[in-house]
Amino acid sequence: MMCGDGDWRQRRLAVLPHHLGAGAVAPDKAAATSSSEAPPGAALRLHKNRVFYASESLIRRATAVSRTRLAGVGTPIGKFTHGGAFHLTVHALDLLAAHARRRVWLKPDTERSFLFGNSVPKSALARITENTKSGDGVVVMSMADVPLGFGVAARGAQDCRKADTNAVVVLHQSDAGEYLRKEVELM
């Protein structure tokens, strides 16, 4: 098993932020997720301060490898810092996009700016989910419904209508361009 019963890190696992709409994993139920949070046969696992999303069959096969030699199993979706904070990585984008309640769509000519790591101004916004509030986590999408990244809403949907065109609407957290910019750090 990836996380032993006495593993102290298992109690710290609170994986997907509630504001992204993907649900949260209770600290005492960190070893497996319920069927409402993940597809049947999928689970979240903690290994060396990194959280992985993997199928149960892959996890069972990984038990043949010792924990010291195991680099990881499944898709890495985030990691715990030394201070105990959890940071989502760009690898979690597909999982978040599938479960997100709040989304923001960008105009086609402004997608590149977001993919270079910039926040989203109101002038780049094509659509926003109606019930979005300030501070909510959002998935940033292209007009073709391709997930580009995720961030935090700096303004609610109602405030966006009244905001200046240069006002920041979404604060950048991660984007698909990080695969190229931070190639070494992500692995």
N, C-alpha and C. Protein backbone atom coordinates (compact mmCIF):
# COMPACT_ATOMS: atom_id res chain seq x y z
N MET A 1 0.85 -1.18 0.00
CA MET A 1 0.00 0.00 0.00
C MET A 1 0.88 1.23 0.00
N MET A 2 0.47 2.27 -0.70
CA MET A 2 1.27 3.48 -0.83
C MET A 2 1.40 4.24 0.49
N CYS A 3 0.34 4.41 1.21
CA CYS A 3 0.36 5.13 2.48
C CYS A 3 0.07 4.14 3.59
N GLY A 4 0.99 3.97 4.49
CA GLY A 4 0.78 3.07 5.60
C GLY A 4 -0.27 3.60 6.55
N ASP A 5 -0.83 2.71 7.38
CA ASP A 5 -1.88 3.13 8.30
C ASP A 5 -1.36 4.12 9.33
N GLY A 6 -0.07 4.01 9.69
CA GLY A 6 0.49 4.91 10.69
C GLY A 6 1.19 6.11 10.09
N ASP A 7 1.07 6.35 8.82
CA ASP A 7 1.76 7.44 8.15
C ASP A 7 1.13 8.76 8.58
N TRP A 8 1.94 9.66 9.20
CA TRP A 8 1.42 10.93 9.70
C TRP A 8 0.99 11.84 8.57
N ARG A 9 1.60 11.71 7.38
CA ARG A 9 1.24 12.57 6.26
C ARG A 9 -0.16 12.26 5.75
N GLN A 10 -0.62 11.06 5.99
CA GLN A 10 -1.95 10.66 5.52
C GLN A 10 -3.03 11.52 6.17
N ARG A 11 -2.81 11.94 7.41
CA ARG A 11 -3.81 12.75 8.11
C ARG A 11 -3.86 14.17 7.58
N ARG A 12 -2.79 14.63 6.90
CA ARG A 12 -2.74 16.00 6.38
C ARG A 12 -3.38 16.13 5.01
N LEU A 13 -3.75 15.04 4.40
CA LEU A 13 -4.17 15.08 3.00
C LEU A 13 -5.54 15.73 2.85
N ALA A 14 -5.54 16.89 2.27
CA ALA A 14 -6.77 17.59 1.89
C ALA A 14 -6.54 18.05 0.46
N VAL A 15 -6.93 17.25 -0.50
CA VAL A 15 -6.37 17.37 -1.83
C VAL A 15 -6.97 18.45 -2.70
N LEU A 16 -8.16 18.32 -3.14
CA LEU A 16 -8.69 19.26 -4.12
C LEU A 16 -9.46 20.37 -3.42
N PRO A 17 -9.09 21.61 -3.65
CA PRO A 17 -9.76 22.71 -2.96
C PRO A 17 -11.25 22.75 -3.29
N HIS A 18 -12.04 23.05 -2.27
CA HIS A 18 -13.49 23.08 -2.43
C HIS A 18 -13.93 24.15 -3.42
N HIS A 19 -13.16 25.23 -3.53
CA HIS A 19 -13.59 26.30 -4.42
C HIS A 19 -13.44 25.94 -5.89
N LEU A 20 -12.72 24.86 -6.22
CA LEU A 20 -12.64 24.43 -7.61
C LEU A 20 -13.78 23.49 -7.94
N GLY A 21 -14.60 23.15 -6.95
CA GLY A 21 -15.79 22.36 -7.22
C GLY A 21 -15.52 20.89 -7.37
N ALA A 22 -14.32 20.43 -7.04
CA ALA A 22 -14.00 19.03 -7.22
C ALA A 22 -14.18 18.23 -5.95
N GLY A 23 -14.62 18.86 -4.89
CA GLY A 23 -14.78 18.15 -3.64
C GLY A 23 -13.48 18.11 -2.88
N ALA A 24 -13.52 17.67 -1.65
CA ALA A 24 -12.31 17.57 -0.86
C ALA A 24 -12.23 16.20 -0.24
N VAL A 25 -11.05 15.76 0.03
CA VAL A 25 -10.84 14.47 0.66
C VAL A 25 -10.70 14.70 2.15
N ALA A 26 -11.52 14.04 2.93
CA ALA A 26 -11.46 14.18 4.38
C ALA A 26 -10.14 13.59 4.88
N PRO A 27 -9.50 14.22 5.90
CA PRO A 27 -8.20 13.74 6.37
C PRO A 27 -8.20 12.28 6.80
N ASP A 28 -9.27 11.79 7.42
CA ASP A 28 -9.29 10.41 7.88
C ASP A 28 -9.68 9.44 6.77
N LYS A 29 -10.03 9.93 5.59
CA LYS A 29 -10.40 9.06 4.47
C LYS A 29 -9.48 9.32 3.30
N ALA A 30 -8.21 9.62 3.57
CA ALA A 30 -7.28 10.02 2.53
C ALA A 30 -6.88 8.87 1.62
N ALA A 31 -6.98 7.64 2.07
CA ALA A 31 -6.51 6.52 1.27
C ALA A 31 -7.39 6.24 0.07
N ALA A 32 -8.67 6.55 0.14
CA ALA A 32 -9.55 6.30 -1.00
C ALA A 32 -10.61 7.38 -1.07
N THR A 33 -11.10 7.65 -2.25
CA THR A 33 -12.13 8.65 -2.43
C THR A 33 -13.47 7.97 -2.63
N SER A 34 -14.53 8.72 -2.41
CA SER A 34 -15.85 8.15 -2.62
C SER A 34 -16.18 8.18 -4.11
N SER A 35 -17.24 7.50 -4.48
CA SER A 35 -17.59 7.41 -5.90
C SER A 35 -18.04 8.75 -6.46
N SER A 36 -18.48 9.69 -5.60
CA SER A 36 -18.89 11.00 -6.10
C SER A 36 -17.70 11.88 -6.43
N GLU A 37 -16.51 11.60 -5.88
CA GLU A 37 -15.34 12.43 -6.11
C GLU A 37 -14.46 11.90 -7.22
N ALA A 38 -14.50 10.64 -7.51
CA ALA A 38 -13.63 10.06 -8.52
C ALA A 38 -14.37 8.94 -9.23
N PRO A 39 -13.96 8.64 -10.44
CA PRO A 39 -14.58 7.53 -11.14
C PRO A 39 -14.35 6.23 -10.39
N PRO A 40 -15.20 5.23 -10.58
CA PRO A 40 -15.01 3.97 -9.89
C PRO A 40 -13.64 3.39 -10.22
N GLY A 41 -12.95 2.92 -9.20
CA GLY A 41 -11.65 2.31 -9.40
C GLY A 41 -10.51 3.30 -9.43
N ALA A 42 -10.74 4.58 -9.11
CA ALA A 42 -9.68 5.58 -9.07
C ALA A 42 -9.53 6.09 -7.65
N ALA A 43 -8.31 6.49 -7.30
CA ALA A 43 -8.05 6.95 -5.95
C ALA A 43 -6.93 7.98 -5.94
N LEU A 44 -6.83 8.70 -4.83
CA LEU A 44 -5.75 9.64 -4.60
C LEU A 44 -4.78 9.00 -3.62
N ARG A 45 -3.49 9.09 -3.90
CA ARG A 45 -2.48 8.49 -3.04
C ARG A 45 -1.39 9.51 -2.74
N LEU A 46 -0.85 9.45 -1.54
CA LEU A 46 0.24 10.31 -1.10
C LEU A 46 1.52 9.50 -1.08
N HIS A 47 2.57 10.02 -1.73
CA HIS A 47 3.88 9.36 -1.75
C HIS A 47 4.95 10.43 -1.78
N LYS A 48 5.78 10.47 -0.74
CA LYS A 48 6.88 11.43 -0.63
C LYS A 48 6.40 12.87 -0.81
N ASN A 49 5.38 13.26 -0.07
CA ASN A 49 4.81 14.61 -0.10
C ASN A 49 4.19 15.00 -1.44
N ARG A 50 3.96 14.07 -2.32
CA ARG A 50 3.28 14.32 -3.59
C ARG A 50 1.99 13.52 -3.63
N VAL A 51 0.97 14.10 -4.24
CA VAL A 51 -0.33 13.44 -4.34
C VAL A 51 -0.50 12.96 -5.78
N PHE A 52 -0.89 11.70 -5.92
CA PHE A 52 -1.06 11.07 -7.23
C PHE A 52 -2.50 10.62 -7.40
N TYR A 53 -2.99 10.70 -8.62
CA TYR A 53 -4.32 10.22 -9.00
C TYR A 53 -4.09 8.99 -9.87
N ALA A 54 -4.56 7.83 -9.41
CA ALA A 54 -4.28 6.60 -10.13
C ALA A 54 -5.43 5.62 -10.00
N SER A 55 -5.48 4.67 -10.93
CA SER A 55 -6.48 3.62 -10.87
C SER A 55 -6.08 2.62 -9.79
N GLU A 56 -7.08 1.95 -9.23
CA GLU A 56 -6.81 0.97 -8.17
C GLU A 56 -5.94 -0.18 -8.70
N SER A 57 -6.13 -0.58 -9.95
CA SER A 57 -5.33 -1.68 -10.49
C SER A 57 -3.86 -1.27 -10.61
N LEU A 58 -3.60 -0.02 -10.98
CA LEU A 58 -2.22 0.46 -11.05
C LEU A 58 -1.59 0.51 -9.66
N ILE A 59 -2.38 0.92 -8.68
CA ILE A 59 -1.87 0.99 -7.31
C ILE A 59 -1.54 -0.41 -6.79
N ARG A 60 -2.40 -1.39 -7.10
CA ARG A 60 -2.11 -2.76 -6.68
C ARG A 60 -0.83 -3.28 -7.33
N ARG A 61 -0.62 -2.96 -8.60
CA ARG A 61 0.61 -3.41 -9.28
C ARG A 61 1.84 -2.70 -8.73
N ALA A 62 1.69 -1.47 -8.25
CA ALA A 62 2.82 -0.72 -7.73
C ALA A 62 3.29 -1.23 -6.38
N THR A 63 2.49 -2.02 -5.69
CA THR A 63 2.91 -2.56 -4.40
C THR A 63 4.06 -3.54 -4.55
N ALA A 64 4.33 -4.01 -5.75
CA ALA A 64 5.46 -4.92 -5.98
C ALA A 64 6.80 -4.18 -5.91
N VAL A 65 6.77 -2.86 -6.01
CA VAL A 65 7.99 -2.05 -5.95
C VAL A 65 8.12 -1.48 -4.54
N SER A 66 9.32 -1.49 -3.98
CA SER A 66 9.50 -0.96 -2.64
C SER A 66 9.29 0.55 -2.64
N ARG A 67 8.87 1.10 -1.51
CA ARG A 67 8.56 2.53 -1.42
C ARG A 67 9.80 3.40 -1.67
N THR A 68 10.97 2.91 -1.28
CA THR A 68 12.17 3.70 -1.48
C THR A 68 12.55 3.80 -2.96
N ARG A 69 12.21 2.81 -3.75
CA ARG A 69 12.54 2.82 -5.18
C ARG A 69 11.42 3.38 -6.05
N LEU A 70 10.24 3.55 -5.50
CA LEU A 70 9.09 4.02 -6.26
C LEU A 70 9.16 5.54 -6.42
N ALA A 71 9.18 6.01 -7.66
CA ALA A 71 9.22 7.45 -7.93
C ALA A 71 7.83 8.05 -7.83
N GLY A 72 6.81 7.33 -8.26
CA GLY A 72 5.44 7.79 -8.22
C GLY A 72 4.56 6.80 -8.94
N VAL A 73 3.24 6.96 -8.73
CA VAL A 73 2.29 6.06 -9.38
C VAL A 73 1.09 6.88 -9.82
N GLY A 74 0.77 6.85 -11.10
CA GLY A 74 -0.37 7.60 -11.61
C GLY A 74 0.02 9.00 -12.04
N THR A 75 -0.96 9.88 -12.05
CA THR A 75 -0.76 11.27 -12.47
C THR A 75 -0.49 12.14 -11.25
N PRO A 76 0.64 12.85 -11.22
CA PRO A 76 0.89 13.74 -10.07
C PRO A 76 0.02 14.98 -10.17
N ILE A 77 -0.82 15.22 -9.17
CA ILE A 77 -1.72 16.37 -9.24
C ILE A 77 -1.32 17.50 -8.31
N GLY A 78 -0.38 17.25 -7.41
CA GLY A 78 0.06 18.31 -6.52
C GLY A 78 1.06 17.81 -5.52
N LYS A 79 1.53 18.75 -4.68
CA LYS A 79 2.50 18.37 -3.67
C LYS A 79 2.34 19.23 -2.43
N PHE A 80 2.79 18.69 -1.30
CA PHE A 80 2.80 19.43 -0.05
C PHE A 80 4.14 20.14 0.08
N THR A 81 4.11 21.39 0.53
CA THR A 81 5.34 22.12 0.77
C THR A 81 5.87 21.74 2.14
N HIS A 82 7.06 22.23 2.46
CA HIS A 82 7.62 21.96 3.78
C HIS A 82 6.77 22.55 4.89
N GLY A 83 6.07 23.62 4.59
CA GLY A 83 5.20 24.27 5.57
C GLY A 83 3.83 23.62 5.70
N GLY A 84 3.55 22.60 4.88
CA GLY A 84 2.29 21.89 4.97
C GLY A 84 1.21 22.38 4.02
N ALA A 85 1.49 23.42 3.22
CA ALA A 85 0.51 23.91 2.25
C ALA A 85 0.48 22.98 1.04
N PHE A 86 -0.66 22.91 0.39
CA PHE A 86 -0.79 22.05 -0.79
C PHE A 86 -0.82 22.90 -2.04
N HIS A 87 -0.02 22.51 -3.05
CA HIS A 87 0.04 23.23 -4.31
C HIS A 87 -0.39 22.30 -5.44
N LEU A 88 -1.43 22.70 -6.16
CA LEU A 88 -1.84 21.95 -7.34
C LEU A 88 -0.85 22.21 -8.46
N THR A 89 -0.60 21.21 -9.28
CA THR A 89 0.26 21.38 -10.44
C THR A 89 -0.60 21.35 -11.70
N VAL A 90 0.01 21.67 -12.81
CA VAL A 90 -0.69 21.70 -14.08
C VAL A 90 -1.18 20.31 -14.48
N HIS A 91 -0.59 19.27 -13.91
CA HIS A 91 -1.03 17.90 -14.21
C HIS A 91 -2.47 17.65 -13.78
N ALA A 92 -2.96 18.43 -12.83
CA ALA A 92 -4.32 18.27 -12.32
C ALA A 92 -5.36 18.93 -13.21
N LEU A 93 -4.94 19.58 -14.27
CA LEU A 93 -5.85 20.37 -15.09
C LEU A 93 -6.99 19.55 -15.69
N ASP A 94 -6.70 18.40 -16.25
CA ASP A 94 -7.77 17.57 -16.85
C ASP A 94 -8.76 17.11 -15.80
N LEU A 95 -8.27 16.74 -14.63
CA LEU A 95 -9.14 16.30 -13.54
C LEU A 95 -10.01 17.46 -13.05
N LEU A 96 -9.42 18.63 -12.90
CA LEU A 96 -10.19 19.80 -12.46
C LEU A 96 -11.21 20.23 -13.50
N ALA A 97 -10.82 20.21 -14.77
CA ALA A 97 -11.74 20.64 -15.83
C ALA A 97 -12.96 19.74 -15.91
N ALA A 98 -12.78 18.48 -15.63
CA ALA A 98 -13.91 17.55 -15.69
C ALA A 98 -14.90 17.78 -14.56
N HIS A 99 -14.44 18.30 -13.42
CA HIS A 99 -15.30 18.44 -12.25
C HIS A 99 -15.58 19.89 -11.85
N ALA A 100 -15.06 20.87 -12.56
CA ALA A 100 -15.18 22.27 -12.16
C ALA A 100 -16.61 22.77 -12.29
N ARG A 101 -17.01 23.56 -11.31
CA ARG A 101 -18.33 24.18 -11.33
C ARG A 101 -18.26 25.58 -11.92
N ARG A 102 -17.09 26.20 -11.82
CA ARG A 102 -16.93 27.56 -12.29
C ARG A 102 -15.85 27.61 -13.36
N ARG A 103 -16.20 28.23 -14.49
CA ARG A 103 -15.28 28.30 -15.61
C ARG A 103 -15.27 29.71 -16.18
N VAL A 104 -14.16 30.02 -16.83
CA VAL A 104 -13.98 31.28 -17.52
C VAL A 104 -13.49 30.95 -18.92
N TRP A 105 -14.10 31.57 -19.93
CA TRP A 105 -13.69 31.35 -21.32
C TRP A 105 -12.98 32.60 -21.82
N LEU A 106 -11.85 32.40 -22.51
CA LEU A 106 -11.07 33.51 -23.04
C LEU A 106 -11.32 33.71 -24.52
N LYS A 107 -11.14 34.95 -24.96
CA LYS A 107 -11.20 35.25 -26.39
C LYS A 107 -10.00 34.60 -27.07
N PRO A 108 -10.16 34.13 -28.30
CA PRO A 108 -9.07 33.41 -28.98
C PRO A 108 -7.76 34.18 -29.09
N ASP A 109 -7.81 35.49 -29.28
CA ASP A 109 -6.57 36.25 -29.44
C ASP A 109 -5.84 36.52 -28.12
N THR A 110 -6.46 36.22 -26.98
CA THR A 110 -5.83 36.48 -25.68
C THR A 110 -5.39 35.21 -24.96
N GLU A 111 -5.60 34.06 -25.57
CA GLU A 111 -5.21 32.80 -24.93
C GLU A 111 -3.71 32.73 -24.71
N ARG A 112 -2.94 33.22 -25.68
CA ARG A 112 -1.48 33.14 -25.58
C ARG A 112 -0.95 33.89 -24.37
N SER A 113 -1.53 35.03 -24.07
CA SER A 113 -1.09 35.81 -22.90
C SER A 113 -1.27 35.01 -21.62
N PHE A 114 -2.40 34.31 -21.48
CA PHE A 114 -2.61 33.48 -20.30
C PHE A 114 -1.63 32.32 -20.26
N LEU A 115 -1.36 31.71 -21.41
CA LEU A 115 -0.44 30.58 -21.48
C LEU A 115 1.01 30.99 -21.20
N PHE A 116 1.31 32.28 -21.27
CA PHE A 116 2.63 32.78 -20.91
C PHE A 116 2.72 33.13 -19.43
N GLY A 117 1.64 32.90 -18.66
CA GLY A 117 1.68 33.10 -17.22
C GLY A 117 1.06 34.38 -16.72
N ASN A 118 0.36 35.11 -17.56
CA ASN A 118 -0.26 36.37 -17.15
C ASN A 118 -1.68 36.14 -16.63
N SER A 119 -2.11 37.02 -15.75
CA SER A 119 -3.49 36.97 -15.25
C SER A 119 -4.44 37.44 -16.35
N VAL A 120 -5.74 37.22 -16.15
CA VAL A 120 -6.75 37.51 -17.18
C VAL A 120 -7.42 38.86 -16.90
N PRO A 121 -7.27 39.84 -17.80
CA PRO A 121 -8.01 41.10 -17.64
C PRO A 121 -9.42 40.95 -18.20
N LYS A 122 -10.27 41.91 -17.88
CA LYS A 122 -11.65 41.85 -18.36
C LYS A 122 -11.74 41.88 -19.88
N SER A 123 -10.81 42.56 -20.53
CA SER A 123 -10.83 42.65 -21.99
C SER A 123 -10.59 41.30 -22.66
N ALA A 124 -9.99 40.34 -21.95
CA ALA A 124 -9.73 39.01 -22.51
C ALA A 124 -10.88 38.05 -22.27
N LEU A 125 -11.83 38.45 -21.47
CA LEU A 125 -12.91 37.57 -21.05
C LEU A 125 -14.00 37.46 -22.11
N ALA A 126 -14.34 36.23 -22.48
CA ALA A 126 -15.44 36.01 -23.42
C ALA A 126 -16.72 35.65 -22.67
N ARG A 127 -16.61 34.73 -21.71
CA ARG A 127 -17.75 34.29 -20.89
C ARG A 127 -17.25 33.94 -19.51
N ILE A 128 -18.18 33.95 -18.55
CA ILE A 128 -17.87 33.53 -17.18
C ILE A 128 -19.10 32.85 -16.62
N THR A 129 -18.92 31.84 -15.81
CA THR A 129 -20.04 31.15 -15.18
C THR A 129 -20.77 32.15 -14.27
N GLU A 130 -22.09 32.15 -14.31
CA GLU A 130 -22.91 33.15 -13.63
C GLU A 130 -22.69 33.22 -12.12
N ASN A 131 -22.59 32.10 -11.45
CA ASN A 131 -22.54 32.11 -9.98
C ASN A 131 -21.13 32.26 -9.43
N THR A 132 -20.17 32.73 -10.23
CA THR A 132 -18.80 32.90 -9.78
C THR A 132 -18.70 34.09 -8.84
N LYS A 133 -18.04 33.87 -7.71
CA LYS A 133 -17.82 34.92 -6.72
C LYS A 133 -16.33 35.20 -6.62
N SER A 134 -15.99 36.34 -6.07
CA SER A 134 -14.60 36.69 -5.87
C SER A 134 -13.95 35.68 -4.92
N GLY A 135 -12.79 35.17 -5.29
CA GLY A 135 -12.08 34.19 -4.46
C GLY A 135 -12.35 32.75 -4.86
N ASP A 136 -13.29 32.52 -5.75
CA ASP A 136 -13.58 31.15 -6.21
C ASP A 136 -12.49 30.68 -7.16
N GLY A 137 -12.19 29.40 -7.11
CA GLY A 137 -11.28 28.80 -8.07
C GLY A 137 -12.01 28.59 -9.38
N VAL A 138 -11.37 28.89 -10.49
CA VAL A 138 -11.98 28.73 -11.80
C VAL A 138 -11.03 28.01 -12.73
N VAL A 139 -11.60 27.30 -13.69
CA VAL A 139 -10.82 26.69 -14.75
C VAL A 139 -10.93 27.61 -15.96
N VAL A 140 -9.79 27.95 -16.54
CA VAL A 140 -9.75 28.85 -17.69
C VAL A 140 -9.80 27.99 -18.95
N MET A 141 -10.77 28.30 -19.82
CA MET A 141 -11.01 27.50 -21.02
C MET A 141 -10.86 28.38 -22.26
N SER A 142 -10.57 27.71 -23.38
CA SER A 142 -10.62 28.41 -24.67
C SER A 142 -12.08 28.38 -25.15
N MET A 143 -12.38 29.10 -26.20
CA MET A 143 -13.74 29.10 -26.73
C MET A 143 -14.11 27.75 -27.32
N ALA A 144 -13.12 26.91 -27.61
CA ALA A 144 -13.36 25.56 -28.13
C ALA A 144 -13.48 24.55 -26.98
N ASP A 145 -13.65 25.03 -25.75
CA ASP A 145 -13.77 24.21 -24.54
C ASP A 145 -12.55 23.33 -24.27
N VAL A 146 -11.38 23.85 -24.58
CA VAL A 146 -10.13 23.18 -24.23
C VAL A 146 -9.61 23.84 -22.97
N PRO A 147 -9.34 23.07 -21.89
CA PRO A 147 -8.83 23.67 -20.66
C PRO A 147 -7.42 24.22 -20.86
N LEU A 148 -7.21 25.46 -20.48
CA LEU A 148 -5.90 26.11 -20.64
C LEU A 148 -5.15 26.20 -19.32
N GLY A 149 -5.87 26.27 -18.21
CA GLY A 149 -5.24 26.40 -16.91
C GLY A 149 -6.29 26.67 -15.85
N PHE A 150 -5.82 27.10 -14.68
CA PHE A 150 -6.75 27.43 -13.61
C PHE A 150 -6.21 28.59 -12.80
N GLY A 151 -7.10 29.22 -12.06
CA GLY A 151 -6.73 30.38 -11.26
C GLY A 151 -7.82 30.71 -10.26
N VAL A 152 -7.72 31.89 -9.67
CA VAL A 152 -8.67 32.35 -8.67
C VAL A 152 -9.37 33.59 -9.21
N ALA A 153 -10.69 33.63 -9.08
CA ALA A 153 -11.46 34.78 -9.55
C ALA A 153 -11.17 36.00 -8.67
N ALA A 154 -10.67 37.05 -9.27
CA ALA A 154 -10.40 38.29 -8.54
C ALA A 154 -11.67 39.11 -8.36
N ARG A 155 -12.64 38.89 -9.26
CA ARG A 155 -13.92 39.57 -9.21
C ARG A 155 -15.03 38.57 -9.49
N GLY A 156 -16.19 38.81 -8.93
CA GLY A 156 -17.34 37.97 -9.18
C GLY A 156 -17.92 38.26 -10.55
N ALA A 157 -18.85 37.42 -10.98
CA ALA A 157 -19.47 37.58 -12.29
C ALA A 157 -20.21 38.92 -12.39
N GLN A 158 -20.89 39.34 -11.33
CA GLN A 158 -21.63 40.61 -11.34
C GLN A 158 -20.67 41.79 -11.36
N ASP A 159 -19.54 41.67 -10.63
CA ASP A 159 -18.56 42.76 -10.60
C ASP A 159 -17.85 42.94 -11.93
N CYS A 160 -17.74 41.87 -12.70
CA CYS A 160 -17.06 41.94 -14.00
C CYS A 160 -17.78 42.86 -14.97
N ARG A 161 -19.10 42.92 -14.87
CA ARG A 161 -19.87 43.76 -15.78
C ARG A 161 -19.58 45.24 -15.57
N LYS A 162 -19.30 45.63 -14.31
CA LYS A 162 -19.07 47.02 -13.98
C LYS A 162 -17.59 47.40 -14.01
N ALA A 163 -16.69 46.42 -14.12
CA ALA A 163 -15.26 46.67 -14.00
C ALA A 163 -14.68 47.35 -15.23
N ASP A 164 -13.56 47.99 -15.02
CA ASP A 164 -12.80 48.61 -16.10
C ASP A 164 -12.25 47.52 -17.03
N THR A 165 -12.00 47.84 -18.28
CA THR A 165 -11.55 46.82 -19.23
C THR A 165 -10.16 46.27 -18.91
N ASN A 166 -9.35 47.03 -18.19
CA ASN A 166 -8.02 46.56 -17.81
C ASN A 166 -7.99 45.90 -16.44
N ALA A 167 -9.11 45.83 -15.75
CA ALA A 167 -9.16 45.23 -14.42
C ALA A 167 -8.93 43.72 -14.51
N VAL A 168 -8.17 43.20 -13.57
CA VAL A 168 -7.87 41.76 -13.54
C VAL A 168 -9.10 41.01 -13.05
N VAL A 169 -9.51 40.00 -13.80
CA VAL A 169 -10.68 39.20 -13.47
C VAL A 169 -10.28 37.86 -12.85
N VAL A 170 -9.23 37.24 -13.38
CA VAL A 170 -8.75 35.94 -12.88
C VAL A 170 -7.26 36.05 -12.60
N LEU A 171 -6.87 35.68 -11.38
CA LEU A 171 -5.46 35.63 -11.02
C LEU A 171 -4.89 34.28 -11.45
N HIS A 172 -3.82 34.32 -12.18
CA HIS A 172 -3.19 33.12 -12.74
C HIS A 172 -2.60 32.25 -11.63
N GLN A 173 -2.85 30.93 -11.69
CA GLN A 173 -2.20 29.98 -10.79
C GLN A 173 -1.36 28.98 -11.57
N SER A 174 -1.94 28.41 -12.62
CA SER A 174 -1.22 27.43 -13.42
C SER A 174 -1.83 27.37 -14.81
N ASP A 175 -1.00 27.01 -15.79
CA ASP A 175 -1.50 26.90 -17.15
C ASP A 175 -0.74 25.82 -17.90
N ALA A 176 -1.25 25.45 -19.06
CA ALA A 176 -0.65 24.38 -19.86
C ALA A 176 0.73 24.77 -20.37
N GLY A 177 1.05 26.04 -20.45
CA GLY A 177 2.36 26.49 -20.88
C GLY A 177 3.47 26.13 -19.91
N GLU A 178 3.12 25.77 -18.69
CA GLU A 178 4.13 25.39 -17.69
C GLU A 178 4.86 24.11 -18.08
N TYR A 179 4.25 23.30 -18.92
CA TYR A 179 4.94 22.10 -19.38
C TYR A 179 6.24 22.48 -20.07
N LEU A 180 6.27 23.64 -20.75
CA LEU A 180 7.48 24.08 -21.43
C LEU A 180 8.34 24.98 -20.55
N ARG A 181 7.71 25.89 -19.79
CA ARG A 181 8.48 26.83 -18.98
C ARG A 181 9.15 26.18 -17.79
N LYS A 182 8.49 25.23 -17.15
CA LYS A 182 9.01 24.62 -15.92
C LYS A 182 9.18 23.12 -16.07
N GLU A 183 9.71 22.72 -17.20
CA GLU A 183 9.82 21.29 -17.54
C GLU A 183 10.59 20.50 -16.48
N VAL A 184 11.68 21.04 -15.98
CA VAL A 184 12.52 20.32 -15.02
C VAL A 184 11.84 20.25 -13.65
N GLU A 185 11.20 21.34 -13.22
CA GLU A 185 10.57 21.38 -11.90
C GLU A 185 9.37 20.43 -11.80
N LEU A 186 8.64 20.24 -12.88
CA LEU A 186 7.43 19.43 -12.84
C LEU A 186 7.72 17.93 -12.71
N MET A 187 8.86 17.51 -13.10
CA MET A 187 9.19 16.09 -13.04
C MET A 187 9.86 15.72 -11.78
